[in-house]
Amino acid sequence: MTDDPAEKAAPPRDLGAGSEKYKEKAVAFRVLIYVVVSHVLAGFIWLLFYLGEHAPK
């Protein structure tokens, strides 16, 4: 066994989890989820007002 630098272990592979493209996709996906959830919440609140306005009194 020698201390030859050519025989050292290879550096670990980058699986893409730290790349800029992966981060951009993650941010875009998160924004999409936030937009969808906020619209669903706004629609639910609108539905509550609509049902309250048309409720028998």
Protein backbone atom coordinates (compact mmCIF):
# COMPACT_ATOMS: atom_id res chain seq x y z
CA MET A 1 0.00 0.00 0.00
CA THR A 2 1.52 3.27 -1.10
CA ASP A 3 0.52 6.89 -0.71
CA ASP A 4 0.30 7.42 -4.44
CA PRO A 5 -2.18 10.28 -5.18
CA ALA A 6 -3.38 8.45 -8.29
CA GLU A 7 -4.75 5.63 -6.14
CA LYS A 8 -6.88 7.84 -3.89
CA ALA A 9 -10.63 7.41 -3.93
CA ALA A 10 -12.59 9.37 -6.47
CA PRO A 11 -14.56 12.36 -5.17
CA PRO A 12 -18.25 11.68 -4.54
CA ARG A 13 -20.57 12.15 -7.47
CA ASP A 14 -22.85 15.17 -7.56
CA LEU A 15 -26.37 13.79 -7.91
CA GLY A 16 -27.79 17.19 -8.86
CA ALA A 17 -29.31 18.09 -5.51
CA GLY A 18 -26.98 21.05 -5.10
CA SER A 19 -26.96 22.35 -8.65
CA GLU A 20 -28.39 25.71 -9.65
CA LYS A 21 -30.83 24.14 -12.12
CA TYR A 22 -32.24 21.91 -9.38
CA LYS A 23 -32.64 24.90 -7.05
CA GLU A 24 -34.40 26.92 -9.75
CA LYS A 25 -36.83 24.08 -10.38
CA ALA A 26 -37.47 23.71 -6.65
CA VAL A 27 -38.25 27.43 -6.30
CA ALA A 28 -40.55 27.38 -9.33
CA PHE A 29 -42.38 24.34 -7.96
CA ARG A 30 -42.75 25.98 -4.54
CA VAL A 31 -44.15 29.16 -6.13
CA LEU A 32 -46.62 27.08 -8.14
CA ILE A 33 -47.79 25.30 -4.98
CA TYR A 34 -48.16 28.62 -3.10
CA VAL A 35 -50.18 30.14 -5.95
CA VAL A 36 -52.49 27.13 -6.20
CA VAL A 37 -53.03 26.93 -2.43
CA SER A 38 -53.68 30.67 -2.12
CA HIS A 39 -56.26 30.52 -4.93
CA VAL A 40 -58.00 27.56 -3.31
CA LEU A 41 -58.11 29.44 0.00
CA ALA A 42 -59.43 32.59 -1.70
CA GLY A 43 -62.09 30.53 -3.49
CA PHE A 44 -63.17 28.95 -0.21
CA ILE A 45 -63.48 32.36 1.45
CA TRP A 46 -65.44 33.65 -1.56
CA LEU A 47 -67.74 30.62 -1.27
CA LEU A 48 -68.36 31.39 2.41
CA PHE A 49 -69.37 34.98 1.57
CA TYR A 50 -71.57 33.79 -1.30
CA LEU A 51 -73.35 31.22 0.85
CA GLY A 52 -73.74 33.73 3.68
CA GLU A 53 -75.30 36.28 1.33
CA HIS A 54 -77.77 33.77 -0.11
CA ALA A 55 -78.66 32.01 3.14
CA PRO A 56 -82.32 32.03 4.14
CA LYS A 57 -82.91 34.62 6.82
